[in-house]
């Protein structure tokens, strides 16, 4: 069985950064499941599909023209790596992710990413639905205010306009939608290790996660 570490949590907790750094440290593969839903939302909008049409979205998801080039995401050959990181893309991702047919269409693709020597998967249902038998599950959380402030700084550093109050409101709306959806709602797996990153730096969170990796995988050398 391919070893898998899942890192779940709401938007803005740093799970993507932690997953990438952990995978690099271990020499494992990564899966950014959130990027799939962001790309799907963007692809649907570009094709004029309604984000509340589960059948049309599932059909698109089953043949999503997505490719990877180093660290870049290509949709129909177009580099959308930065495009899908906008707040609008995040809201669209939440809207398409509520549909069970869509999640089912993307399930096999996600599970096929588990390849030797191992996989670090981040998202909202990695430990509860996609990889329920993963030996190590991390659930990252942080206050909405801290998460919004982190996002605000990222946008400002990129030279983009940002409104902190609006970001806080958007994050709360996404949290509510993600936790309330019927299909794979955002929640911690019963056996997940809870890590609150509100008062921690990225390096401190990584150190905390590495403690758990050493506990669960004592045979690993890194």
N, C-alpha and C. Protein backbone atom coordinates (compact mmCIF):
# COMPACT_ATOMS: atom_id res chain seq x y z
N UNK A 1 0.85 -1.20 0.00
CA UNK A 1 0.00 0.00 0.00
C UNK A 1 0.88 1.25 0.00
N UNK A 2 0.54 2.20 -0.85
CA UNK A 2 1.30 3.43 -0.94
C UNK A 2 1.00 4.29 0.28
N UNK A 3 2.01 4.75 1.02
CA UNK A 3 1.75 5.60 2.19
C UNK A 3 1.18 6.96 1.78
N UNK A 4 0.17 7.40 2.51
CA UNK A 4 -0.49 8.67 2.23
C UNK A 4 -0.61 9.49 3.51
N UNK A 5 -0.31 10.76 3.41
CA UNK A 5 -0.54 11.71 4.49
C UNK A 5 -1.55 12.73 3.99
N UNK A 6 -2.65 12.89 4.70
CA UNK A 6 -3.65 13.87 4.29
C UNK A 6 -3.59 15.11 5.16
N UNK A 7 -3.79 16.25 4.54
CA UNK A 7 -3.83 17.53 5.25
C UNK A 7 -5.09 18.26 4.82
N UNK A 8 -6.07 18.27 5.70
CA UNK A 8 -7.35 18.92 5.41
C UNK A 8 -7.50 20.19 6.23
N UNK A 9 -8.47 20.99 5.85
CA UNK A 9 -8.76 22.21 6.60
C UNK A 9 -9.42 23.24 5.70
N UNK A 10 -9.96 24.29 6.29
CA UNK A 10 -10.59 25.35 5.51
C UNK A 10 -9.57 26.19 4.77
N UNK A 11 -10.07 27.08 3.93
CA UNK A 11 -9.21 27.95 3.13
C UNK A 11 -8.38 28.88 4.00
N UNK A 12 -7.11 29.05 3.61
CA UNK A 12 -6.26 30.03 4.29
C UNK A 12 -5.53 29.54 5.51
N UNK A 13 -5.55 28.25 5.77
CA UNK A 13 -4.86 27.72 6.95
C UNK A 13 -3.40 27.37 6.66
N UNK A 14 -3.01 27.42 5.39
CA UNK A 14 -1.64 27.10 5.03
C UNK A 14 -1.43 25.65 4.66
N UNK A 15 -2.51 24.92 4.47
CA UNK A 15 -2.37 23.48 4.20
C UNK A 15 -1.64 23.20 2.89
N UNK A 16 -1.86 24.05 1.88
CA UNK A 16 -1.17 23.83 0.62
C UNK A 16 0.33 24.02 0.75
N UNK A 17 0.74 25.06 1.47
CA UNK A 17 2.16 25.32 1.69
C UNK A 17 2.79 24.21 2.52
N UNK A 18 2.10 23.78 3.57
CA UNK A 18 2.62 22.71 4.41
C UNK A 18 2.73 21.42 3.62
N UNK A 19 1.72 21.11 2.81
CA UNK A 19 1.74 19.89 2.02
C UNK A 19 2.93 19.89 1.05
N UNK A 20 3.16 21.03 0.40
CA UNK A 20 4.26 21.13 -0.56
C UNK A 20 5.61 20.98 0.13
N UNK A 21 5.78 21.64 1.27
CA UNK A 21 7.06 21.57 1.98
C UNK A 21 7.29 20.18 2.57
N UNK A 22 6.21 19.57 3.06
CA UNK A 22 6.34 18.22 3.62
C UNK A 22 6.69 17.23 2.53
N UNK A 23 6.03 17.33 1.38
CA UNK A 23 6.32 16.42 0.28
C UNK A 23 7.75 16.57 -0.21
N UNK A 24 8.21 17.82 -0.26
CA UNK A 24 9.60 18.06 -0.67
C UNK A 24 10.58 17.45 0.32
N UNK A 25 10.27 17.58 1.60
CA UNK A 25 11.13 17.03 2.66
C UNK A 25 11.20 15.50 2.57
N UNK A 26 10.06 14.88 2.27
CA UNK A 26 9.99 13.42 2.23
C UNK A 26 10.36 12.85 0.86
N UNK A 27 10.32 13.69 -0.17
CA UNK A 27 10.56 13.19 -1.52
C UNK A 27 9.34 12.49 -2.09
N UNK A 28 8.15 12.90 -1.61
CA UNK A 28 6.89 12.29 -2.04
C UNK A 28 6.18 13.16 -3.06
N UNK A 29 5.11 12.61 -3.63
CA UNK A 29 4.27 13.35 -4.56
C UNK A 29 3.26 14.20 -3.78
N UNK A 30 2.64 15.15 -4.47
CA UNK A 30 1.61 15.99 -3.84
C UNK A 30 0.32 15.94 -4.64
N UNK A 31 -0.76 16.22 -3.95
CA UNK A 31 -2.07 16.36 -4.58
C UNK A 31 -2.75 17.58 -3.97
N UNK A 32 -2.96 18.59 -4.78
CA UNK A 32 -3.70 19.79 -4.37
C UNK A 32 -5.11 19.62 -4.90
N UNK A 33 -5.97 18.98 -4.11
CA UNK A 33 -7.32 18.68 -4.59
C UNK A 33 -8.13 19.94 -4.84
N UNK A 34 -7.87 20.98 -4.06
CA UNK A 34 -8.61 22.22 -4.25
C UNK A 34 -8.39 22.81 -5.62
N UNK A 35 -7.18 22.62 -6.16
CA UNK A 35 -6.88 23.16 -7.49
C UNK A 35 -7.77 22.51 -8.55
N UNK A 36 -8.13 21.24 -8.34
CA UNK A 36 -8.99 20.55 -9.30
C UNK A 36 -10.35 21.24 -9.41
N UNK A 37 -10.92 21.57 -8.25
CA UNK A 37 -12.23 22.20 -8.25
C UNK A 37 -12.16 23.64 -8.77
N UNK A 38 -11.04 24.30 -8.50
CA UNK A 38 -10.86 25.65 -9.03
C UNK A 38 -10.75 25.61 -10.55
N UNK A 39 -9.99 24.65 -11.07
CA UNK A 39 -9.84 24.51 -12.52
C UNK A 39 -11.18 24.14 -13.14
N UNK A 40 -11.91 23.24 -12.49
CA UNK A 40 -13.21 22.84 -13.02
C UNK A 40 -14.17 24.04 -13.07
N UNK A 41 -14.19 24.84 -12.01
CA UNK A 41 -15.04 26.02 -12.00
C UNK A 41 -14.68 26.97 -13.13
N UNK A 42 -13.38 27.18 -13.33
CA UNK A 42 -12.92 28.07 -14.40
C UNK A 42 -13.29 27.51 -15.77
N UNK A 43 -13.07 26.20 -15.95
CA UNK A 43 -13.39 25.56 -17.23
C UNK A 43 -14.88 25.66 -17.53
N UNK A 44 -15.71 25.48 -16.50
CA UNK A 44 -17.16 25.57 -16.68
C UNK A 44 -17.57 26.98 -17.10
N UNK A 45 -17.00 27.98 -16.45
CA UNK A 45 -17.33 29.36 -16.78
C UNK A 45 -16.90 29.70 -18.20
N UNK A 46 -15.74 29.20 -18.60
CA UNK A 46 -15.25 29.49 -19.95
C UNK A 46 -16.12 28.82 -21.01
N UNK A 47 -16.80 27.73 -20.63
CA UNK A 47 -17.66 27.02 -21.57
C UNK A 47 -19.12 27.46 -21.45
N UNK A 48 -19.36 28.38 -20.54
CA UNK A 48 -20.72 28.87 -20.38
C UNK A 48 -21.64 27.92 -19.65
N UNK A 49 -21.08 27.02 -18.86
CA UNK A 49 -21.89 26.06 -18.11
C UNK A 49 -22.32 26.67 -16.78
N UNK A 50 -23.52 26.34 -16.38
CA UNK A 50 -24.02 26.81 -15.09
C UNK A 50 -23.34 26.05 -13.97
N UNK A 51 -22.93 26.75 -12.92
CA UNK A 51 -22.24 26.09 -11.81
C UNK A 51 -23.20 25.33 -10.90
N UNK A 52 -24.49 25.38 -11.22
CA UNK A 52 -25.46 24.60 -10.46
C UNK A 52 -26.06 23.47 -11.30
N UNK A 53 -25.34 23.08 -12.37
CA UNK A 53 -25.77 21.98 -13.24
C UNK A 53 -24.85 20.79 -13.00
N UNK A 54 -25.19 19.91 -12.05
CA UNK A 54 -24.28 18.82 -11.68
C UNK A 54 -23.96 17.85 -12.81
N UNK A 55 -24.92 17.56 -13.66
CA UNK A 55 -24.67 16.60 -14.74
C UNK A 55 -23.68 17.15 -15.76
N UNK A 56 -23.87 18.40 -16.15
CA UNK A 56 -22.96 19.01 -17.12
C UNK A 56 -21.56 19.15 -16.53
N UNK A 57 -21.50 19.52 -15.25
CA UNK A 57 -20.21 19.68 -14.58
C UNK A 57 -19.50 18.33 -14.43
N UNK A 58 -20.25 17.28 -14.11
CA UNK A 58 -19.65 15.96 -13.95
C UNK A 58 -19.09 15.46 -15.28
N UNK A 59 -19.82 15.73 -16.35
CA UNK A 59 -19.33 15.33 -17.69
C UNK A 59 -18.03 16.05 -18.01
N UNK A 60 -17.99 17.33 -17.70
CA UNK A 60 -16.77 18.10 -17.92
C UNK A 60 -15.63 17.59 -17.04
N UNK A 61 -15.95 17.29 -15.78
CA UNK A 61 -14.92 16.82 -14.84
C UNK A 61 -14.32 15.50 -15.28
N UNK A 62 -15.13 14.64 -15.89
CA UNK A 62 -14.66 13.32 -16.31
C UNK A 62 -13.62 13.40 -17.42
N UNK A 63 -13.63 14.50 -18.17
CA UNK A 63 -12.66 14.66 -19.26
C UNK A 63 -11.98 16.02 -19.18
N UNK A 64 -11.72 16.45 -17.97
CA UNK A 64 -11.13 17.77 -17.76
C UNK A 64 -9.78 17.88 -18.48
N UNK A 65 -9.63 18.84 -19.39
CA UNK A 65 -8.39 18.98 -20.17
C UNK A 65 -7.29 19.65 -19.34
N UNK A 66 -6.90 18.96 -18.27
CA UNK A 66 -5.92 19.51 -17.33
C UNK A 66 -4.59 18.79 -17.49
N UNK A 67 -3.51 19.54 -17.49
CA UNK A 67 -2.17 18.96 -17.60
C UNK A 67 -1.23 19.69 -16.65
N UNK A 68 -0.14 19.03 -16.30
CA UNK A 68 0.86 19.62 -15.42
C UNK A 68 2.16 19.81 -16.18
N UNK A 69 2.78 20.96 -15.99
CA UNK A 69 4.08 21.25 -16.59
C UNK A 69 4.94 21.83 -15.48
N UNK A 70 5.80 20.98 -14.91
CA UNK A 70 6.57 21.35 -13.73
C UNK A 70 5.58 21.75 -12.62
N UNK A 71 5.62 22.99 -12.15
CA UNK A 71 4.70 23.43 -11.10
C UNK A 71 3.53 24.23 -11.66
N UNK A 72 3.33 24.18 -12.97
CA UNK A 72 2.28 24.97 -13.61
C UNK A 72 1.09 24.09 -13.96
N UNK A 73 -0.11 24.67 -13.88
CA UNK A 73 -1.34 23.99 -14.26
C UNK A 73 -1.82 24.52 -15.60
N UNK A 74 -2.06 23.62 -16.53
CA UNK A 74 -2.49 24.01 -17.87
C UNK A 74 -3.91 23.53 -18.13
N UNK A 75 -4.78 24.42 -18.51
CA UNK A 75 -6.15 24.09 -18.88
C UNK A 75 -6.30 24.37 -20.37
N UNK A 76 -6.55 23.33 -21.13
CA UNK A 76 -6.61 23.47 -22.59
C UNK A 76 -5.33 24.10 -23.13
N UNK A 77 -4.20 23.81 -22.47
CA UNK A 77 -2.92 24.35 -22.89
C UNK A 77 -2.63 25.74 -22.37
N UNK A 78 -3.58 26.35 -21.68
CA UNK A 78 -3.43 27.70 -21.15
C UNK A 78 -2.96 27.63 -19.69
N UNK A 79 -1.90 28.35 -19.35
CA UNK A 79 -1.39 28.36 -17.98
C UNK A 79 -2.37 29.12 -17.09
N UNK A 80 -3.01 28.38 -16.17
CA UNK A 80 -4.01 29.00 -15.28
C UNK A 80 -3.56 28.95 -13.82
N UNK A 81 -2.28 28.73 -13.60
CA UNK A 81 -1.74 28.59 -12.25
C UNK A 81 -2.13 29.76 -11.36
N UNK A 82 -1.98 30.96 -11.86
CA UNK A 82 -2.30 32.14 -11.07
C UNK A 82 -3.79 32.49 -11.16
N UNK A 83 -4.38 32.23 -12.30
CA UNK A 83 -5.79 32.57 -12.51
C UNK A 83 -6.70 31.90 -11.49
N UNK A 84 -6.41 30.64 -11.16
CA UNK A 84 -7.29 29.90 -10.26
C UNK A 84 -7.08 30.26 -8.79
N UNK A 85 -6.15 31.16 -8.50
CA UNK A 85 -5.91 31.54 -7.10
C UNK A 85 -6.64 32.81 -6.70
N UNK A 86 -7.51 33.30 -7.56
CA UNK A 86 -8.29 34.49 -7.21
C UNK A 86 -9.41 34.12 -6.26
N UNK A 87 -9.97 35.12 -5.59
CA UNK A 87 -11.10 34.88 -4.69
C UNK A 87 -12.30 34.37 -5.46
N UNK A 88 -12.50 34.89 -6.67
CA UNK A 88 -13.61 34.45 -7.50
C UNK A 88 -13.49 32.96 -7.83
N UNK A 89 -12.27 32.53 -8.15
CA UNK A 89 -12.05 31.12 -8.46
C UNK A 89 -12.34 30.25 -7.24
N UNK A 90 -11.99 30.76 -6.07
CA UNK A 90 -12.25 30.02 -4.84
C UNK A 90 -13.74 29.86 -4.59
N UNK A 91 -14.51 30.91 -4.82
CA UNK A 91 -15.95 30.84 -4.64
C UNK A 91 -16.58 29.90 -5.66
N UNK A 92 -16.08 29.92 -6.88
CA UNK A 92 -16.60 29.02 -7.92
C UNK A 92 -16.29 27.58 -7.56
N UNK A 93 -15.11 27.35 -7.01
CA UNK A 93 -14.72 26.00 -6.60
C UNK A 93 -15.69 25.47 -5.55
N UNK A 94 -16.05 26.31 -4.59
CA UNK A 94 -16.99 25.89 -3.55
C UNK A 94 -18.35 25.55 -4.15
N UNK A 95 -18.75 26.27 -5.19
CA UNK A 95 -20.06 26.03 -5.80
C UNK A 95 -20.09 24.71 -6.57
N UNK A 96 -19.03 24.40 -7.30
CA UNK A 96 -19.04 23.14 -8.07
C UNK A 96 -18.78 21.93 -7.17
N UNK A 97 -18.11 22.17 -6.04
CA UNK A 97 -17.72 21.06 -5.16
C UNK A 97 -18.90 20.48 -4.38
N UNK A 98 -20.04 21.16 -4.36
CA UNK A 98 -21.18 20.68 -3.58
C UNK A 98 -21.90 19.53 -4.27
N UNK A 99 -21.63 19.31 -5.55
CA UNK A 99 -22.39 18.32 -6.32
C UNK A 99 -21.78 16.92 -6.22
N UNK A 100 -22.50 15.94 -5.69
CA UNK A 100 -21.98 14.57 -5.59
C UNK A 100 -21.47 13.99 -6.91
N UNK A 101 -22.17 14.19 -8.05
CA UNK A 101 -21.65 13.64 -9.32
C UNK A 101 -20.28 14.20 -9.69
N UNK A 102 -20.06 15.47 -9.35
CA UNK A 102 -18.77 16.10 -9.65
C UNK A 102 -17.68 15.47 -8.80
N UNK A 103 -17.93 15.30 -7.53
CA UNK A 103 -16.94 14.72 -6.64
C UNK A 103 -16.63 13.27 -7.04
N UNK A 104 -17.67 12.55 -7.45
CA UNK A 104 -17.47 11.17 -7.90
C UNK A 104 -16.62 11.12 -9.16
N UNK A 105 -16.84 12.08 -10.06
CA UNK A 105 -16.09 12.10 -11.32
C UNK A 105 -14.61 12.36 -11.09
N UNK A 106 -14.28 13.10 -10.03
CA UNK A 106 -12.89 13.43 -9.75
C UNK A 106 -12.22 12.46 -8.77
N UNK A 107 -12.99 11.54 -8.19
CA UNK A 107 -12.46 10.66 -7.16
C UNK A 107 -11.33 9.77 -7.67
N UNK A 108 -11.56 9.05 -8.77
CA UNK A 108 -10.53 8.14 -9.28
C UNK A 108 -9.26 8.89 -9.65
N UNK A 109 -9.42 10.07 -10.25
CA UNK A 109 -8.24 10.86 -10.64
C UNK A 109 -7.40 11.16 -9.41
N UNK A 110 -8.05 11.54 -8.33
CA UNK A 110 -7.32 11.89 -7.11
C UNK A 110 -6.61 10.67 -6.52
N UNK A 111 -7.31 9.55 -6.45
CA UNK A 111 -6.72 8.35 -5.86
C UNK A 111 -5.57 7.81 -6.69
N UNK A 112 -5.61 8.04 -7.99
CA UNK A 112 -4.52 7.57 -8.85
C UNK A 112 -3.23 8.36 -8.62
N UNK A 113 -3.31 9.47 -7.91
CA UNK A 113 -2.12 10.26 -7.61
C UNK A 113 -1.27 9.60 -6.52
N UNK A 114 -1.81 8.61 -5.84
CA UNK A 114 -1.05 7.89 -4.82
C UNK A 114 -0.09 6.93 -5.50
N UNK A 115 1.14 7.35 -5.65
CA UNK A 115 2.17 6.57 -6.33
C UNK A 115 3.42 6.54 -5.45
N UNK A 116 4.27 5.50 -5.65
CA UNK A 116 5.50 5.41 -4.85
C UNK A 116 6.37 6.65 -5.06
N UNK A 117 7.10 7.09 -4.03
CA UNK A 117 7.21 6.46 -2.71
C UNK A 117 6.12 6.84 -1.71
N UNK A 118 5.27 7.82 -2.06
CA UNK A 118 4.21 8.24 -1.15
C UNK A 118 3.54 9.49 -1.65
N UNK A 119 2.44 9.87 -0.97
CA UNK A 119 1.66 11.03 -1.39
C UNK A 119 1.26 11.89 -0.19
N UNK A 120 1.39 13.20 -0.36
CA UNK A 120 0.86 14.16 0.61
C UNK A 120 -0.30 14.85 -0.10
N UNK A 121 -1.52 14.64 0.40
CA UNK A 121 -2.72 15.17 -0.25
C UNK A 121 -3.38 16.22 0.62
N UNK A 122 -3.66 17.39 0.06
CA UNK A 122 -4.33 18.41 0.85
C UNK A 122 -5.66 18.79 0.23
N UNK A 123 -6.61 19.14 1.08
CA UNK A 123 -7.93 19.51 0.60
C UNK A 123 -8.90 19.69 1.75
N UNK A 124 -10.12 19.26 1.52
CA UNK A 124 -11.15 19.37 2.55
C UNK A 124 -11.74 18.02 2.95
N UNK A 125 -11.55 17.02 2.08
CA UNK A 125 -12.09 15.69 2.39
C UNK A 125 -11.08 14.58 2.10
N UNK A 126 -9.80 14.92 2.13
CA UNK A 126 -8.79 13.92 1.83
C UNK A 126 -8.79 12.78 2.87
N UNK A 127 -8.88 13.15 4.14
CA UNK A 127 -8.83 12.14 5.19
C UNK A 127 -10.15 11.49 5.49
N UNK A 128 -11.25 12.12 5.10
CA UNK A 128 -12.57 11.58 5.40
C UNK A 128 -13.17 10.77 4.26
N UNK A 129 -12.88 11.15 3.01
CA UNK A 129 -13.51 10.50 1.87
C UNK A 129 -12.53 9.89 0.88
N UNK A 130 -11.56 10.69 0.43
CA UNK A 130 -10.68 10.23 -0.65
C UNK A 130 -9.68 9.18 -0.17
N UNK A 131 -9.04 9.45 0.97
CA UNK A 131 -8.07 8.51 1.52
C UNK A 131 -8.40 8.21 2.98
N UNK A 132 -9.53 7.56 3.25
CA UNK A 132 -9.96 7.32 4.63
C UNK A 132 -9.04 6.38 5.41
N UNK A 133 -8.20 5.61 4.71
CA UNK A 133 -7.30 4.68 5.38
C UNK A 133 -5.88 5.23 5.51
N UNK A 134 -5.70 6.48 5.21
CA UNK A 134 -4.36 7.09 5.35
C UNK A 134 -3.89 6.94 6.79
N UNK A 135 -2.65 6.51 6.99
CA UNK A 135 -2.15 6.30 8.35
C UNK A 135 -1.92 7.59 9.15
N UNK A 136 -1.79 8.71 8.46
CA UNK A 136 -1.62 9.99 9.15
C UNK A 136 -2.52 11.04 8.51
N UNK A 137 -3.39 11.62 9.33
CA UNK A 137 -4.31 12.65 8.87
C UNK A 137 -4.13 13.89 9.73
N UNK A 138 -3.90 15.00 9.08
CA UNK A 138 -3.74 16.28 9.77
C UNK A 138 -4.93 17.16 9.42
N UNK A 139 -5.47 17.87 10.41
CA UNK A 139 -6.51 18.85 10.14
C UNK A 139 -6.02 20.20 10.64
N UNK A 140 -5.77 21.11 9.68
CA UNK A 140 -5.29 22.44 10.01
C UNK A 140 -6.46 23.42 10.13
N UNK A 141 -6.39 24.27 11.13
CA UNK A 141 -7.43 25.28 11.29
C UNK A 141 -6.79 26.57 11.76
N UNK A 142 -7.55 27.65 11.68
CA UNK A 142 -7.12 28.97 12.15
C UNK A 142 -8.34 29.86 12.14
N UNK A 143 -8.29 30.95 12.87
CA UNK A 143 -9.44 31.85 12.93
C UNK A 143 -9.67 32.50 11.57
N UNK A 144 -10.93 32.84 11.25
CA UNK A 144 -11.23 33.50 9.97
C UNK A 144 -10.46 34.81 9.81
N UNK A 145 -10.29 35.55 10.90
CA UNK A 145 -9.59 36.82 10.82
C UNK A 145 -8.12 36.64 10.43
N UNK A 146 -7.47 35.66 11.02
CA UNK A 146 -6.08 35.40 10.70
C UNK A 146 -5.94 34.89 9.27
N UNK A 147 -6.84 34.03 8.86
CA UNK A 147 -6.78 33.51 7.50
C UNK A 147 -7.01 34.62 6.47
N UNK A 148 -7.94 35.50 6.76
CA UNK A 148 -8.21 36.61 5.85
C UNK A 148 -7.02 37.55 5.78
N UNK A 149 -6.38 37.79 6.90
CA UNK A 149 -5.22 38.68 6.92
C UNK A 149 -4.06 38.09 6.12
N UNK A 150 -3.89 36.77 6.20
CA UNK A 150 -2.84 36.12 5.41
C UNK A 150 -3.12 36.30 3.92
N UNK A 151 -4.38 36.10 3.55
CA UNK A 151 -4.76 36.24 2.15
C UNK A 151 -4.60 37.68 1.70
N UNK A 152 -4.96 38.61 2.55
CA UNK A 152 -4.83 40.03 2.25
C UNK A 152 -3.37 40.38 1.92
N UNK A 153 -2.46 39.90 2.74
CA UNK A 153 -1.04 40.18 2.52
C UNK A 153 -0.56 39.57 1.21
N UNK A 154 -1.04 38.35 0.89
CA UNK A 154 -0.65 37.71 -0.36
C UNK A 154 -1.09 38.54 -1.57
N UNK A 155 -2.31 39.01 -1.52
CA UNK A 155 -2.84 39.79 -2.64
C UNK A 155 -2.11 41.12 -2.79
N UNK A 156 -1.84 41.77 -1.67
CA UNK A 156 -1.13 43.05 -1.72
C UNK A 156 0.28 42.86 -2.28
N UNK A 157 0.95 41.77 -1.85
CA UNK A 157 2.30 41.49 -2.34
C UNK A 157 2.31 41.25 -3.85
N UNK A 158 1.20 40.77 -4.39
CA UNK A 158 1.09 40.53 -5.82
C UNK A 158 0.64 41.78 -6.57
N UNK A 159 0.43 42.88 -5.84
CA UNK A 159 0.00 44.11 -6.47
C UNK A 159 -1.47 44.15 -6.82
N UNK A 160 -2.28 43.31 -6.16
CA UNK A 160 -3.70 43.23 -6.44
C UNK A 160 -4.49 43.99 -5.37
N UNK A 161 -5.64 44.50 -5.75
CA UNK A 161 -6.50 45.19 -4.80
C UNK A 161 -7.11 44.17 -3.84
N UNK A 162 -7.28 44.57 -2.59
CA UNK A 162 -7.87 43.67 -1.60
C UNK A 162 -8.56 44.47 -0.51
N UNK A 163 -9.64 43.92 -0.03
CA UNK A 163 -10.41 44.54 1.06
C UNK A 163 -10.49 43.53 2.19
N UNK A 164 -9.86 43.84 3.31
CA UNK A 164 -9.76 42.88 4.41
C UNK A 164 -11.14 42.49 4.95
N UNK A 165 -12.02 43.45 5.13
CA UNK A 165 -13.35 43.14 5.65
C UNK A 165 -14.09 42.19 4.71
N UNK A 166 -13.96 42.45 3.42
CA UNK A 166 -14.63 41.59 2.44
C UNK A 166 -14.03 40.19 2.45
N UNK A 167 -12.72 40.11 2.61
CA UNK A 167 -12.05 38.81 2.66
C UNK A 167 -12.54 37.99 3.85
N UNK A 168 -12.69 38.64 4.99
CA UNK A 168 -13.19 37.94 6.18
C UNK A 168 -14.60 37.40 5.92
N UNK A 169 -15.42 38.23 5.29
CA UNK A 169 -16.79 37.82 4.98
C UNK A 169 -16.80 36.66 3.99
N UNK A 170 -15.94 36.73 2.96
CA UNK A 170 -15.87 35.65 1.97
C UNK A 170 -15.44 34.34 2.61
N UNK A 171 -14.46 34.40 3.49
CA UNK A 171 -13.97 33.20 4.14
C UNK A 171 -15.05 32.57 5.01
N UNK A 172 -15.77 33.39 5.74
CA UNK A 172 -16.86 32.86 6.56
C UNK A 172 -17.94 32.23 5.71
N UNK A 173 -18.25 32.84 4.57
CA UNK A 173 -19.27 32.28 3.67
C UNK A 173 -18.80 30.94 3.11
N UNK A 174 -17.53 30.87 2.72
CA UNK A 174 -17.01 29.61 2.18
C UNK A 174 -16.98 28.53 3.26
N UNK A 175 -16.60 28.90 4.46
CA UNK A 175 -16.59 27.93 5.56
C UNK A 175 -17.98 27.35 5.77
N UNK A 176 -18.97 28.22 5.79
CA UNK A 176 -20.35 27.79 6.00
C UNK A 176 -20.79 26.85 4.89
N UNK A 177 -20.49 27.23 3.65
CA UNK A 177 -20.89 26.40 2.50
C UNK A 177 -20.17 25.06 2.52
N UNK A 178 -18.87 25.07 2.81
CA UNK A 178 -18.09 23.83 2.80
C UNK A 178 -18.52 22.88 3.92
N UNK A 179 -18.85 23.43 5.08
CA UNK A 179 -19.23 22.58 6.21
C UNK A 179 -20.68 22.09 6.10
N UNK A 180 -21.51 22.82 5.36
CA UNK A 180 -22.93 22.48 5.28
C UNK A 180 -23.29 21.61 4.08
N UNK A 181 -22.38 21.49 3.11
CA UNK A 181 -22.74 20.74 1.92
C UNK A 181 -22.99 19.27 2.25
N UNK A 182 -23.89 18.65 1.49
CA UNK A 182 -24.25 17.26 1.73
C UNK A 182 -23.16 16.30 1.28
N UNK A 183 -22.48 16.65 0.20
CA UNK A 183 -21.43 15.78 -0.34
C UNK A 183 -20.08 16.12 0.28
N UNK A 184 -19.53 15.18 1.05
CA UNK A 184 -18.20 15.33 1.64
C UNK A 184 -18.00 16.68 2.30
N UNK A 185 -18.78 17.00 3.32
CA UNK A 185 -18.62 18.30 4.00
C UNK A 185 -17.26 18.42 4.67
N UNK A 186 -16.81 19.66 4.82
CA UNK A 186 -15.55 19.91 5.50
C UNK A 186 -15.68 19.55 6.97
N UNK A 187 -14.88 18.60 7.41
CA UNK A 187 -14.84 18.22 8.82
C UNK A 187 -13.57 17.40 9.05
N UNK A 188 -13.16 17.32 10.28
CA UNK A 188 -11.97 16.55 10.61
C UNK A 188 -12.32 15.08 10.73
N UNK A 189 -11.46 14.21 10.22
CA UNK A 189 -11.64 12.77 10.41
C UNK A 189 -11.52 12.46 11.90
N UNK A 190 -12.19 11.40 12.34
CA UNK A 190 -12.17 11.06 13.76
C UNK A 190 -10.76 10.81 14.28
N UNK A 191 -9.88 10.31 13.42
CA UNK A 191 -8.52 10.00 13.84
C UNK A 191 -7.50 11.06 13.38
N UNK A 192 -7.99 12.23 13.01
CA UNK A 192 -7.09 13.29 12.55
C UNK A 192 -6.39 13.97 13.72
N UNK A 193 -5.17 14.43 13.46
CA UNK A 193 -4.43 15.23 14.43
C UNK A 193 -4.78 16.69 14.18
N UNK A 194 -5.31 17.36 15.18
CA UNK A 194 -5.74 18.75 15.04
C UNK A 194 -4.56 19.69 15.28
N UNK A 195 -4.36 20.63 14.36
CA UNK A 195 -3.30 21.63 14.49
C UNK A 195 -3.90 23.01 14.22
N UNK A 196 -3.89 23.87 15.21
CA UNK A 196 -4.39 25.23 15.06
C UNK A 196 -3.22 26.14 14.72
N UNK A 197 -3.27 26.71 13.53
CA UNK A 197 -2.15 27.54 13.05
C UNK A 197 -2.35 29.02 13.30
N UNK A 198 -3.38 29.37 14.07
CA UNK A 198 -3.69 30.79 14.30
C UNK A 198 -2.48 31.57 14.80
N UNK A 199 -1.78 31.01 15.79
CA UNK A 199 -0.66 31.73 16.40
C UNK A 199 0.69 31.13 16.00
N UNK A 200 0.71 30.31 14.95
CA UNK A 200 1.95 29.64 14.54
C UNK A 200 2.43 30.12 13.19
N UNK A 201 3.74 30.14 13.01
CA UNK A 201 4.31 30.43 11.70
C UNK A 201 4.27 29.17 10.86
N UNK A 202 4.53 29.31 9.56
CA UNK A 202 4.55 28.15 8.68
C UNK A 202 5.58 27.14 9.15
N UNK A 203 6.77 27.63 9.55
CA UNK A 203 7.82 26.73 10.02
C UNK A 203 7.41 25.99 11.29
N UNK A 204 6.70 26.68 12.17
CA UNK A 204 6.25 26.04 13.40
C UNK A 204 5.19 24.98 13.12
N UNK A 205 4.31 25.26 12.16
CA UNK A 205 3.31 24.26 11.79
C UNK A 205 4.00 23.05 11.17
N UNK A 206 4.97 23.29 10.29
CA UNK A 206 5.69 22.20 9.65
C UNK A 206 6.40 21.34 10.70
N UNK A 207 7.03 21.97 11.67
CA UNK A 207 7.70 21.21 12.74
C UNK A 207 6.71 20.34 13.49
N UNK A 208 5.52 20.88 13.75
CA UNK A 208 4.49 20.11 14.45
C UNK A 208 4.05 18.91 13.62
N UNK A 209 3.88 19.10 12.34
CA UNK A 209 3.48 18.01 11.46
C UNK A 209 4.58 16.96 11.36
N UNK A 210 5.82 17.42 11.29
CA UNK A 210 6.94 16.49 11.20
C UNK A 210 7.04 15.61 12.45
N UNK A 211 6.65 16.14 13.59
CA UNK A 211 6.61 15.33 14.80
C UNK A 211 5.68 14.14 14.62
N UNK A 212 4.53 14.41 14.00
CA UNK A 212 3.56 13.34 13.77
C UNK A 212 4.06 12.35 12.72
N UNK A 213 4.76 12.86 11.71
CA UNK A 213 5.31 11.98 10.68
C UNK A 213 6.32 11.01 11.30
N UNK A 214 7.17 11.52 12.18
CA UNK A 214 8.15 10.65 12.83
C UNK A 214 7.47 9.62 13.72
N UNK A 215 6.37 10.01 14.33
CA UNK A 215 5.63 9.09 15.20
C UNK A 215 4.98 7.96 14.40
N UNK A 216 4.37 8.31 13.28
CA UNK A 216 3.62 7.33 12.49
C UNK A 216 4.51 6.55 11.53
N UNK A 217 5.56 7.21 11.04
CA UNK A 217 6.47 6.55 10.10
C UNK A 217 7.90 6.56 10.66
N UNK A 218 8.17 5.82 11.72
CA UNK A 218 9.50 5.85 12.34
C UNK A 218 10.60 5.34 11.43
N UNK A 219 10.22 4.61 10.37
CA UNK A 219 11.21 4.05 9.47
C UNK A 219 11.73 5.07 8.45
N UNK A 220 11.06 6.19 8.31
CA UNK A 220 11.47 7.19 7.33
C UNK A 220 12.70 7.96 7.80
N UNK A 221 13.58 8.22 6.86
CA UNK A 221 14.76 9.03 7.14
C UNK A 221 14.67 10.29 6.29
N UNK A 222 14.62 11.45 6.94
CA UNK A 222 14.51 12.71 6.19
C UNK A 222 15.15 13.84 6.98
